[in-house]
Amino acid sequence: VGLVTLDDLIASKTIDLEQISSIVRRQIMRRGMQRLSLRGRTTERSDARKFQTLNLFYKAIAEKTGLTQEFAAKVIKYILGNVIQRMHYTGATHLIAQLPRDIQDELLALSPGPDRSITVLRILSGLRDKFDLEEATARSIMLRAFSALMELIDPSEIEHVKSQLPDEMKALFVAETKPAAA
């Protein structure tokens, strides 16, 4: 009792070239299909992980701001867009690298900074106008969103971000512990 290999069959001349060719083609096809299947499963797992990471990011922002997850996603993209455009391009790319992959491309597509016209008042005004918020609500959401970013982004990266911002924007990065009310 033993294992018969293709080499054994060729050496014993019990199989002709046509049969060998057929066997080899089937093995190559089978391996190719297995690789495609593995790639498909790997891609599915990768996509699932990306979705989960993005979902957890938005969930954390929503919990911190007291907003629905869908609304929190829009607000944080708006805020991050402003912060990123206010920073020098190199520093902005470092910050973007800390964020979920599914929002990175959108943020990288923004005009490179630093755009010095972006101020706290401009961000606040944009929140009020774009999302139809009262002044106090917009301010509260903005502060809580910055606080959430402090929890979600590496502290050394937060320090790097703050080093590129004017004092008024640096002051937004303050830890907030109270539950939010929208």
N, C-alpha and C. Protein backbone atom coordinates (compact mmCIF):
# COMPACT_ATOMS: atom_id res chain seq x y z
N VAL A 1 0.86 -1.17 0.00
CA VAL A 1 0.00 0.00 0.00
C VAL A 1 0.90 1.23 0.00
N GLY A 2 0.61 2.15 -0.87
CA GLY A 2 1.41 3.37 -0.95
C GLY A 2 0.68 4.43 -1.74
N LEU A 3 1.34 5.52 -1.91
CA LEU A 3 0.79 6.64 -2.63
C LEU A 3 1.34 6.63 -4.05
N VAL A 4 0.46 6.70 -5.02
CA VAL A 4 0.89 6.72 -6.41
C VAL A 4 0.91 8.17 -6.87
N THR A 5 2.07 8.61 -7.34
CA THR A 5 2.19 9.99 -7.80
C THR A 5 2.15 10.04 -9.32
N LEU A 6 2.02 11.22 -9.85
CA LEU A 6 2.04 11.41 -11.30
C LEU A 6 3.38 10.93 -11.86
N ASP A 7 4.47 11.18 -11.13
CA ASP A 7 5.80 10.73 -11.55
C ASP A 7 5.83 9.20 -11.69
N ASP A 8 5.21 8.49 -10.75
CA ASP A 8 5.16 7.02 -10.80
C ASP A 8 4.44 6.55 -12.07
N LEU A 9 3.34 7.21 -12.38
CA LEU A 9 2.58 6.83 -13.56
C LEU A 9 3.36 7.09 -14.85
N ILE A 10 4.06 8.21 -14.88
CA ILE A 10 4.87 8.54 -16.06
C ILE A 10 6.01 7.54 -16.21
N ALA A 11 6.70 7.25 -15.10
CA ALA A 11 7.86 6.34 -15.12
C ALA A 11 7.45 4.93 -15.52
N SER A 12 6.28 4.49 -15.08
CA SER A 12 5.84 3.13 -15.40
C SER A 12 5.17 3.04 -16.77
N LYS A 13 5.00 4.18 -17.42
CA LYS A 13 4.38 4.27 -18.74
C LYS A 13 2.98 3.66 -18.77
N THR A 14 2.28 3.76 -17.63
CA THR A 14 0.91 3.25 -17.56
C THR A 14 -0.10 4.32 -17.95
N ILE A 15 0.39 5.49 -18.25
CA ILE A 15 -0.48 6.61 -18.61
C ILE A 15 0.13 7.32 -19.81
N ASP A 16 -0.69 7.72 -20.78
CA ASP A 16 -0.15 8.38 -21.96
C ASP A 16 -0.14 9.90 -21.78
N LEU A 17 0.50 10.59 -22.71
CA LEU A 17 0.66 12.04 -22.62
C LEU A 17 -0.68 12.78 -22.58
N GLU A 18 -1.66 12.32 -23.30
CA GLU A 18 -2.99 12.94 -23.32
C GLU A 18 -3.61 12.92 -21.91
N GLN A 19 -3.51 11.79 -21.24
CA GLN A 19 -4.06 11.65 -19.89
C GLN A 19 -3.28 12.53 -18.90
N ILE A 20 -1.95 12.55 -19.04
CA ILE A 20 -1.11 13.38 -18.16
C ILE A 20 -1.51 14.85 -18.32
N SER A 21 -1.65 15.28 -19.56
CA SER A 21 -2.03 16.65 -19.85
C SER A 21 -3.38 16.99 -19.21
N SER A 22 -4.31 16.10 -19.30
CA SER A 22 -5.64 16.31 -18.72
C SER A 22 -5.56 16.42 -17.19
N ILE A 23 -4.79 15.55 -16.58
CA ILE A 23 -4.64 15.57 -15.11
C ILE A 23 -4.00 16.88 -14.66
N VAL A 24 -2.93 17.28 -15.34
CA VAL A 24 -2.23 18.51 -14.97
C VAL A 24 -3.13 19.72 -15.13
N ARG A 25 -3.88 19.79 -16.25
CA ARG A 25 -4.81 20.92 -16.46
C ARG A 25 -5.84 20.99 -15.34
N ARG A 26 -6.42 19.85 -14.96
CA ARG A 26 -7.43 19.84 -13.89
C ARG A 26 -6.83 20.32 -12.56
N GLN A 27 -5.58 19.88 -12.28
CA GLN A 27 -4.94 20.31 -11.02
C GLN A 27 -4.67 21.81 -11.03
N ILE A 28 -4.22 22.33 -12.15
CA ILE A 28 -3.96 23.77 -12.26
C ILE A 28 -5.26 24.55 -12.10
N MET A 29 -6.31 24.08 -12.78
CA MET A 29 -7.61 24.76 -12.66
C MET A 29 -8.12 24.71 -11.21
N ARG A 30 -8.00 23.54 -10.59
CA ARG A 30 -8.47 23.39 -9.21
C ARG A 30 -7.72 24.34 -8.27
N ARG A 31 -6.39 24.41 -8.43
CA ARG A 31 -5.61 25.32 -7.58
C ARG A 31 -5.97 26.78 -7.84
N GLY A 32 -6.16 27.12 -9.12
CA GLY A 32 -6.56 28.48 -9.45
C GLY A 32 -7.90 28.84 -8.83
N MET A 33 -8.84 27.90 -8.89
CA MET A 33 -10.16 28.15 -8.30
C MET A 33 -10.06 28.27 -6.78
N GLN A 34 -9.20 27.47 -6.18
CA GLN A 34 -9.01 27.56 -4.72
C GLN A 34 -8.43 28.93 -4.36
N ARG A 35 -7.46 29.41 -5.14
CA ARG A 35 -6.88 30.73 -4.86
C ARG A 35 -7.92 31.82 -5.00
N LEU A 36 -8.71 31.75 -6.07
CA LEU A 36 -9.77 32.75 -6.25
C LEU A 36 -10.76 32.70 -5.10
N SER A 37 -11.10 31.49 -4.69
CA SER A 37 -12.03 31.33 -3.57
C SER A 37 -11.45 31.93 -2.29
N LEU A 38 -10.16 31.65 -2.06
CA LEU A 38 -9.51 32.21 -0.87
C LEU A 38 -9.45 33.73 -0.95
N ARG A 39 -9.11 34.27 -2.16
CA ARG A 39 -9.07 35.72 -2.32
C ARG A 39 -10.44 36.33 -2.07
N GLY A 40 -11.47 35.67 -2.57
CA GLY A 40 -12.83 36.15 -2.37
C GLY A 40 -13.19 36.20 -0.89
N ARG A 41 -12.84 35.14 -0.17
CA ARG A 41 -13.12 35.12 1.26
C ARG A 41 -12.29 36.15 2.00
N THR A 42 -11.03 36.31 1.58
CA THR A 42 -10.16 37.31 2.20
C THR A 42 -10.72 38.70 1.96
N THR A 43 -11.17 38.96 0.74
CA THR A 43 -11.75 40.27 0.41
C THR A 43 -13.01 40.50 1.23
N GLU A 44 -13.85 39.48 1.35
CA GLU A 44 -15.07 39.61 2.14
C GLU A 44 -14.73 39.93 3.60
N ARG A 45 -13.74 39.22 4.14
CA ARG A 45 -13.34 39.48 5.53
C ARG A 45 -12.78 40.88 5.68
N SER A 46 -11.95 41.28 4.70
CA SER A 46 -11.36 42.62 4.74
C SER A 46 -12.46 43.69 4.68
N ASP A 47 -13.41 43.51 3.77
CA ASP A 47 -14.52 44.46 3.66
C ASP A 47 -15.33 44.50 4.95
N ALA A 48 -15.55 43.33 5.53
CA ALA A 48 -16.32 43.27 6.78
C ALA A 48 -15.58 44.00 7.90
N ARG A 49 -14.25 43.81 7.96
CA ARG A 49 -13.46 44.51 8.98
C ARG A 49 -13.48 46.01 8.77
N LYS A 50 -13.38 46.46 7.50
CA LYS A 50 -13.42 47.89 7.21
C LYS A 50 -14.77 48.48 7.63
N PHE A 51 -15.84 47.77 7.31
CA PHE A 51 -17.18 48.23 7.68
C PHE A 51 -17.32 48.28 9.19
N GLN A 52 -16.83 47.26 9.87
CA GLN A 52 -16.92 47.22 11.33
C GLN A 52 -16.12 48.36 11.96
N THR A 53 -14.93 48.62 11.45
CA THR A 53 -14.10 49.71 11.97
C THR A 53 -14.79 51.05 11.78
N LEU A 54 -15.32 51.26 10.59
CA LEU A 54 -16.02 52.52 10.31
C LEU A 54 -17.25 52.65 11.19
N ASN A 55 -17.98 51.56 11.34
CA ASN A 55 -19.18 51.55 12.17
C ASN A 55 -18.85 51.87 13.63
N LEU A 56 -17.78 51.27 14.14
CA LEU A 56 -17.36 51.54 15.53
C LEU A 56 -16.93 53.00 15.69
N PHE A 57 -16.25 53.54 14.69
CA PHE A 57 -15.82 54.93 14.72
C PHE A 57 -17.04 55.85 14.81
N TYR A 58 -18.00 55.66 13.91
CA TYR A 58 -19.20 56.49 13.91
C TYR A 58 -20.03 56.27 15.18
N LYS A 59 -20.05 55.06 15.67
CA LYS A 59 -20.80 54.77 16.90
C LYS A 59 -20.19 55.54 18.08
N ALA A 60 -18.87 55.55 18.16
CA ALA A 60 -18.20 56.28 19.24
C ALA A 60 -18.48 57.78 19.13
N ILE A 61 -18.45 58.31 17.92
CA ILE A 61 -18.75 59.73 17.72
C ILE A 61 -20.20 60.00 18.12
N ALA A 62 -21.11 59.12 17.71
CA ALA A 62 -22.53 59.29 18.03
C ALA A 62 -22.76 59.27 19.53
N GLU A 63 -22.14 58.33 20.22
CA GLU A 63 -22.30 58.25 21.68
C GLU A 63 -21.78 59.50 22.36
N LYS A 64 -20.64 59.98 21.90
CA LYS A 64 -20.02 61.15 22.53
C LYS A 64 -20.81 62.44 22.26
N THR A 65 -21.39 62.53 21.05
CA THR A 65 -22.10 63.76 20.68
C THR A 65 -23.59 63.71 21.00
N GLY A 66 -24.11 62.50 21.24
CA GLY A 66 -25.54 62.37 21.52
C GLY A 66 -26.38 62.41 20.24
N LEU A 67 -25.75 62.20 19.11
CA LEU A 67 -26.44 62.23 17.82
C LEU A 67 -26.70 60.81 17.33
N THR A 68 -27.56 60.69 16.33
CA THR A 68 -27.72 59.40 15.69
C THR A 68 -26.41 59.09 14.97
N GLN A 69 -26.18 57.83 14.70
CA GLN A 69 -24.94 57.45 14.05
C GLN A 69 -24.84 58.07 12.65
N GLU A 70 -25.93 58.10 11.93
CA GLU A 70 -25.93 58.67 10.57
C GLU A 70 -25.61 60.16 10.61
N PHE A 71 -26.23 60.89 11.53
CA PHE A 71 -26.00 62.32 11.64
C PHE A 71 -24.58 62.60 12.16
N ALA A 72 -24.13 61.78 13.11
CA ALA A 72 -22.78 61.94 13.65
C ALA A 72 -21.73 61.75 12.55
N ALA A 73 -21.99 60.81 11.63
CA ALA A 73 -21.05 60.57 10.53
C ALA A 73 -20.92 61.83 9.66
N LYS A 74 -22.03 62.47 9.36
CA LYS A 74 -22.00 63.69 8.54
C LYS A 74 -21.27 64.82 9.27
N VAL A 75 -21.56 64.97 10.54
CA VAL A 75 -20.95 66.04 11.34
C VAL A 75 -19.44 65.85 11.46
N ILE A 76 -19.01 64.62 11.77
CA ILE A 76 -17.58 64.41 11.97
C ILE A 76 -16.82 64.55 10.66
N LYS A 77 -17.42 64.16 9.55
CA LYS A 77 -16.76 64.37 8.25
C LYS A 77 -16.59 65.87 7.98
N TYR A 78 -17.62 66.64 8.32
CA TYR A 78 -17.54 68.09 8.12
C TYR A 78 -16.42 68.68 8.99
N ILE A 79 -16.40 68.30 10.26
CA ILE A 79 -15.40 68.83 11.18
C ILE A 79 -14.00 68.39 10.76
N LEU A 80 -13.83 67.11 10.47
CA LEU A 80 -12.52 66.63 10.04
C LEU A 80 -12.06 67.30 8.76
N GLY A 81 -12.98 67.51 7.84
CA GLY A 81 -12.64 68.20 6.59
C GLY A 81 -12.06 69.57 6.86
N ASN A 82 -12.66 70.29 7.79
CA ASN A 82 -12.16 71.63 8.13
C ASN A 82 -10.80 71.56 8.81
N VAL A 83 -10.66 70.66 9.76
CA VAL A 83 -9.39 70.53 10.48
C VAL A 83 -8.28 70.15 9.50
N ILE A 84 -8.56 69.21 8.63
CA ILE A 84 -7.56 68.74 7.67
C ILE A 84 -7.16 69.86 6.71
N GLN A 85 -8.13 70.65 6.26
CA GLN A 85 -7.79 71.74 5.35
C GLN A 85 -7.05 72.88 6.07
N ARG A 86 -7.18 72.95 7.36
CA ARG A 86 -6.50 73.98 8.14
C ARG A 86 -5.03 73.62 8.36
N MET A 87 -4.73 72.32 8.26
CA MET A 87 -3.38 71.83 8.51
C MET A 87 -2.54 71.80 7.23
N HIS A 88 -1.23 71.71 7.41
CA HIS A 88 -0.32 71.48 6.30
C HIS A 88 -0.61 70.07 5.76
N TYR A 89 -0.46 69.89 4.44
CA TYR A 89 -0.82 68.63 3.79
C TYR A 89 -0.16 67.41 4.45
N THR A 90 1.12 67.49 4.76
CA THR A 90 1.83 66.35 5.33
C THR A 90 1.23 65.95 6.67
N GLY A 91 1.00 66.93 7.53
CA GLY A 91 0.39 66.63 8.82
C GLY A 91 -1.02 66.10 8.67
N ALA A 92 -1.74 66.64 7.69
CA ALA A 92 -3.11 66.19 7.45
C ALA A 92 -3.12 64.72 7.03
N THR A 93 -2.16 64.32 6.21
CA THR A 93 -2.13 62.92 5.79
C THR A 93 -1.84 61.98 6.96
N HIS A 94 -1.05 62.45 7.91
CA HIS A 94 -0.78 61.64 9.11
C HIS A 94 -2.07 61.46 9.92
N LEU A 95 -2.83 62.52 10.04
CA LEU A 95 -4.11 62.44 10.75
C LEU A 95 -5.07 61.51 10.01
N ILE A 96 -5.16 61.69 8.72
CA ILE A 96 -6.07 60.86 7.91
C ILE A 96 -5.73 59.38 8.04
N ALA A 97 -4.45 59.07 8.15
CA ALA A 97 -4.02 57.68 8.29
C ALA A 97 -4.54 57.04 9.57
N GLN A 98 -4.88 57.85 10.57
CA GLN A 98 -5.40 57.35 11.84
C GLN A 98 -6.91 57.03 11.77
N LEU A 99 -7.54 57.43 10.69
CA LEU A 99 -8.99 57.30 10.57
C LEU A 99 -9.36 56.04 9.80
N PRO A 100 -10.62 55.60 9.91
CA PRO A 100 -11.05 54.42 9.16
C PRO A 100 -10.82 54.59 7.66
N ARG A 101 -10.39 53.53 7.01
CA ARG A 101 -10.02 53.56 5.60
C ARG A 101 -11.14 54.07 4.71
N ASP A 102 -12.38 53.77 5.05
CA ASP A 102 -13.50 54.15 4.18
C ASP A 102 -13.74 55.66 4.10
N ILE A 103 -13.17 56.45 4.99
CA ILE A 103 -13.32 57.90 4.86
C ILE A 103 -12.02 58.58 4.45
N GLN A 104 -10.94 57.82 4.37
CA GLN A 104 -9.65 58.40 4.04
C GLN A 104 -9.62 59.03 2.64
N ASP A 105 -10.12 58.31 1.63
CA ASP A 105 -10.07 58.83 0.26
C ASP A 105 -10.81 60.16 0.14
N GLU A 106 -11.97 60.22 0.76
CA GLU A 106 -12.77 61.45 0.72
C GLU A 106 -12.00 62.62 1.32
N LEU A 107 -11.31 62.38 2.43
CA LEU A 107 -10.56 63.45 3.10
C LEU A 107 -9.27 63.80 2.34
N LEU A 108 -8.65 62.80 1.74
CA LEU A 108 -7.43 63.07 0.96
C LEU A 108 -7.73 63.88 -0.29
N ALA A 109 -8.97 63.82 -0.77
CA ALA A 109 -9.36 64.56 -1.97
C ALA A 109 -9.60 66.04 -1.72
N LEU A 110 -9.61 66.46 -0.46
CA LEU A 110 -9.82 67.88 -0.14
C LEU A 110 -8.63 68.72 -0.59
N SER A 111 -8.88 69.99 -0.79
CA SER A 111 -7.81 70.91 -1.17
C SER A 111 -6.73 70.91 -0.09
N PRO A 112 -5.47 70.86 -0.49
CA PRO A 112 -4.40 70.86 0.51
C PRO A 112 -4.32 72.21 1.24
N GLY A 113 -3.94 72.12 2.50
CA GLY A 113 -3.85 73.31 3.33
C GLY A 113 -2.42 73.80 3.43
N PRO A 114 -2.19 74.71 4.30
CA PRO A 114 -3.15 75.19 5.30
C PRO A 114 -4.03 76.34 4.78
N ASP A 115 -5.31 76.17 5.00
CA ASP A 115 -6.28 77.22 4.68
C ASP A 115 -6.52 78.02 5.96
N ARG A 116 -5.87 79.16 6.06
CA ARG A 116 -5.93 79.97 7.27
C ARG A 116 -7.29 80.65 7.48
N SER A 117 -8.17 80.58 6.50
CA SER A 117 -9.50 81.16 6.68
C SER A 117 -10.40 80.26 7.53
N ILE A 118 -9.97 79.04 7.76
CA ILE A 118 -10.77 78.13 8.60
C ILE A 118 -10.48 78.45 10.06
N THR A 119 -11.52 78.85 10.75
CA THR A 119 -11.42 79.21 12.17
C THR A 119 -12.50 78.46 12.93
N VAL A 120 -12.46 78.57 14.23
CA VAL A 120 -13.50 77.96 15.07
C VAL A 120 -14.86 78.55 14.70
N LEU A 121 -14.91 79.86 14.51
CA LEU A 121 -16.18 80.49 14.15
C LEU A 121 -16.70 80.00 12.81
N ARG A 122 -15.81 79.78 11.88
CA ARG A 122 -16.24 79.28 10.57
C ARG A 122 -16.78 77.85 10.68
N ILE A 123 -16.12 77.03 11.47
CA ILE A 123 -16.61 75.66 11.67
C ILE A 123 -17.97 75.69 12.36
N LEU A 124 -18.08 76.51 13.38
CA LEU A 124 -19.34 76.64 14.12
C LEU A 124 -20.45 77.16 13.22
N SER A 125 -20.15 78.17 12.43
CA SER A 125 -21.13 78.73 11.50
C SER A 125 -21.55 77.67 10.47
N GLY A 126 -20.60 76.91 9.99
CA GLY A 126 -20.90 75.85 9.04
C GLY A 126 -21.79 74.77 9.64
N LEU A 127 -21.53 74.42 10.89
CA LEU A 127 -22.38 73.43 11.56
C LEU A 127 -23.81 73.95 11.68
N ARG A 128 -23.92 75.21 12.07
CA ARG A 128 -25.27 75.81 12.19
C ARG A 128 -25.99 75.82 10.86
N ASP A 129 -25.31 76.30 9.83
CA ASP A 129 -25.95 76.46 8.52
C ASP A 129 -26.19 75.12 7.81
N LYS A 130 -25.16 74.31 7.76
CA LYS A 130 -25.23 73.05 7.01
C LYS A 130 -26.19 72.05 7.65
N PHE A 131 -26.26 72.06 8.97
CA PHE A 131 -27.08 71.05 9.67
C PHE A 131 -28.29 71.65 10.38
N ASP A 132 -28.52 72.94 10.15
CA ASP A 132 -29.69 73.62 10.72
C ASP A 132 -29.76 73.45 12.24
N LEU A 133 -28.67 73.87 12.89
CA LEU A 133 -28.58 73.73 14.35
C LEU A 133 -28.62 75.10 15.02
N GLU A 134 -29.11 75.13 16.24
CA GLU A 134 -29.04 76.33 17.07
C GLU A 134 -27.58 76.54 17.48
N GLU A 135 -27.22 77.76 17.78
CA GLU A 135 -25.84 78.11 18.17
C GLU A 135 -25.32 77.24 19.31
N ALA A 136 -26.07 77.14 20.39
CA ALA A 136 -25.62 76.38 21.57
C ALA A 136 -25.48 74.89 21.24
N THR A 137 -26.39 74.36 20.46
CA THR A 137 -26.34 72.95 20.08
C THR A 137 -25.13 72.69 19.19
N ALA A 138 -24.90 73.57 18.23
CA ALA A 138 -23.75 73.43 17.33
C ALA A 138 -22.45 73.48 18.12
N ARG A 139 -22.36 74.40 19.07
CA ARG A 139 -21.14 74.52 19.89
C ARG A 139 -20.93 73.25 20.73
N SER A 140 -22.00 72.76 21.34
CA SER A 140 -21.91 71.55 22.16
C SER A 140 -21.46 70.35 21.32
N ILE A 141 -22.07 70.19 20.15
CA ILE A 141 -21.72 69.08 19.27
C ILE A 141 -20.26 69.19 18.83
N MET A 142 -19.83 70.39 18.48
CA MET A 142 -18.46 70.61 18.04
C MET A 142 -17.47 70.22 19.14
N LEU A 143 -17.73 70.68 20.36
CA LEU A 143 -16.82 70.36 21.47
C LEU A 143 -16.79 68.87 21.75
N ARG A 144 -17.94 68.24 21.72
CA ARG A 144 -18.01 66.80 21.99
C ARG A 144 -17.37 65.99 20.86
N ALA A 145 -17.49 66.47 19.64
CA ALA A 145 -16.86 65.78 18.51
C ALA A 145 -15.34 65.84 18.63
N PHE A 146 -14.81 66.99 19.00
CA PHE A 146 -13.36 67.11 19.20
C PHE A 146 -12.91 66.23 20.36
N SER A 147 -13.71 66.17 21.40
CA SER A 147 -13.41 65.31 22.54
C SER A 147 -13.39 63.84 22.12
N ALA A 148 -14.34 63.45 21.28
CA ALA A 148 -14.38 62.07 20.79
C ALA A 148 -13.13 61.76 19.96
N LEU A 149 -12.71 62.71 19.14
CA LEU A 149 -11.51 62.50 18.33
C LEU A 149 -10.29 62.26 19.22
N MET A 150 -10.25 62.94 20.35
CA MET A 150 -9.14 62.75 21.28
C MET A 150 -9.10 61.31 21.80
N GLU A 151 -10.26 60.70 21.95
CA GLU A 151 -10.32 59.32 22.43
C GLU A 151 -10.04 58.31 21.33
N LEU A 152 -10.29 58.67 20.09
CA LEU A 152 -10.19 57.72 18.99
C LEU A 152 -8.85 57.77 18.24
N ILE A 153 -8.13 58.85 18.42
CA ILE A 153 -6.87 59.04 17.70
C ILE A 153 -5.71 58.99 18.68
N ASP A 154 -4.62 58.42 18.25
CA ASP A 154 -3.43 58.28 19.07
C ASP A 154 -3.05 59.64 19.68
N PRO A 155 -2.77 59.68 20.99
CA PRO A 155 -2.44 60.96 21.65
C PRO A 155 -1.26 61.70 21.03
N SER A 156 -0.26 60.99 20.55
CA SER A 156 0.88 61.67 19.93
C SER A 156 0.45 62.33 18.61
N GLU A 157 -0.49 61.71 17.91
CA GLU A 157 -1.00 62.30 16.67
C GLU A 157 -1.84 63.54 16.99
N ILE A 158 -2.61 63.48 18.07
CA ILE A 158 -3.39 64.65 18.49
C ILE A 158 -2.44 65.81 18.78
N GLU A 159 -1.35 65.55 19.44
CA GLU A 159 -0.37 66.60 19.74
C GLU A 159 0.22 67.17 18.45
N HIS A 160 0.47 66.30 17.48
CA HIS A 160 0.99 66.74 16.19
C HIS A 160 -0.04 67.62 15.48
N VAL A 161 -1.30 67.23 15.54
CA VAL A 161 -2.38 68.02 14.93
C VAL A 161 -2.45 69.39 15.61
N LYS A 162 -2.48 69.38 16.93
CA LYS A 162 -2.59 70.63 17.68
C LYS A 162 -1.43 71.58 17.37
N SER A 163 -0.24 71.02 17.13
CA SER A 163 0.93 71.86 16.86
C SER A 163 0.78 72.64 15.56
N GLN A 164 -0.13 72.22 14.69
CA GLN A 164 -0.32 72.89 13.41
C GLN A 164 -1.54 73.81 13.40
N LEU A 165 -2.24 73.88 14.49
CA LEU A 165 -3.47 74.67 14.54
C LEU A 165 -3.28 75.94 15.36
N PRO A 166 -4.08 76.95 15.09
CA PRO A 166 -4.03 78.17 15.92
C PRO A 166 -4.56 77.85 17.33
N ASP A 167 -4.22 78.70 18.27
CA ASP A 167 -4.59 78.47 19.67
C ASP A 167 -6.08 78.24 19.87
N GLU A 168 -6.92 78.99 19.16
CA GLU A 168 -8.36 78.85 19.33
C GLU A 168 -8.84 77.44 18.95
N MET A 169 -8.18 76.81 17.97
CA MET A 169 -8.55 75.46 17.57
C MET A 169 -7.92 74.42 18.48
N LYS A 170 -6.73 74.69 18.97
CA LYS A 170 -6.10 73.78 19.93
C LYS A 170 -6.99 73.61 21.15
N ALA A 171 -7.63 74.70 21.55
CA ALA A 171 -8.47 74.68 22.75
C ALA A 171 -9.69 73.77 22.60
N LEU A 172 -10.04 73.39 21.37
CA LEU A 172 -11.18 72.50 21.16
C LEU A 172 -10.87 71.06 21.57
N PHE A 173 -9.60 70.72 21.60
CA PHE A 173 -9.20 69.37 21.99
C PHE A 173 -9.14 69.26 23.51
N VAL A 174 -10.32 69.14 24.10
CA VAL A 174 -10.45 69.03 25.56
C VAL A 174 -11.28 67.79 25.86
N ALA A 175 -10.83 67.00 26.80
CA ALA A 175 -11.58 65.80 27.17
C ALA A 175 -12.90 66.21 27.83
N GLU A 176 -13.97 65.61 27.37
CA GLU A 176 -15.32 65.88 27.88
C GLU A 176 -15.87 64.57 28.41
N THR A 177 -16.45 64.60 29.61
CA THR A 177 -16.93 63.36 30.18
C THR A 177 -18.44 63.30 30.35
N LYS A 178 -19.13 64.42 30.22
CA LYS A 178 -20.59 64.43 30.42
C LYS A 178 -21.30 63.80 29.22
N PRO A 179 -22.43 63.12 29.47
CA PRO A 179 -23.22 62.59 28.33
C PRO A 179 -23.81 63.74 27.53
N ALA A 180 -23.93 63.51 26.25
CA ALA A 180 -24.42 64.56 25.35
C ALA A 180 -25.95 64.59 25.27
N ALA A 181 -26.48 65.73 24.91
CA ALA A 181 -27.91 65.87 24.65
C ALA A 181 -28.06 66.65 23.36
N ALA A 182 -28.77 66.08 22.41
CA ALA A 182 -28.88 66.74 21.08
C ALA A 182 -29.97 67.73 21.04
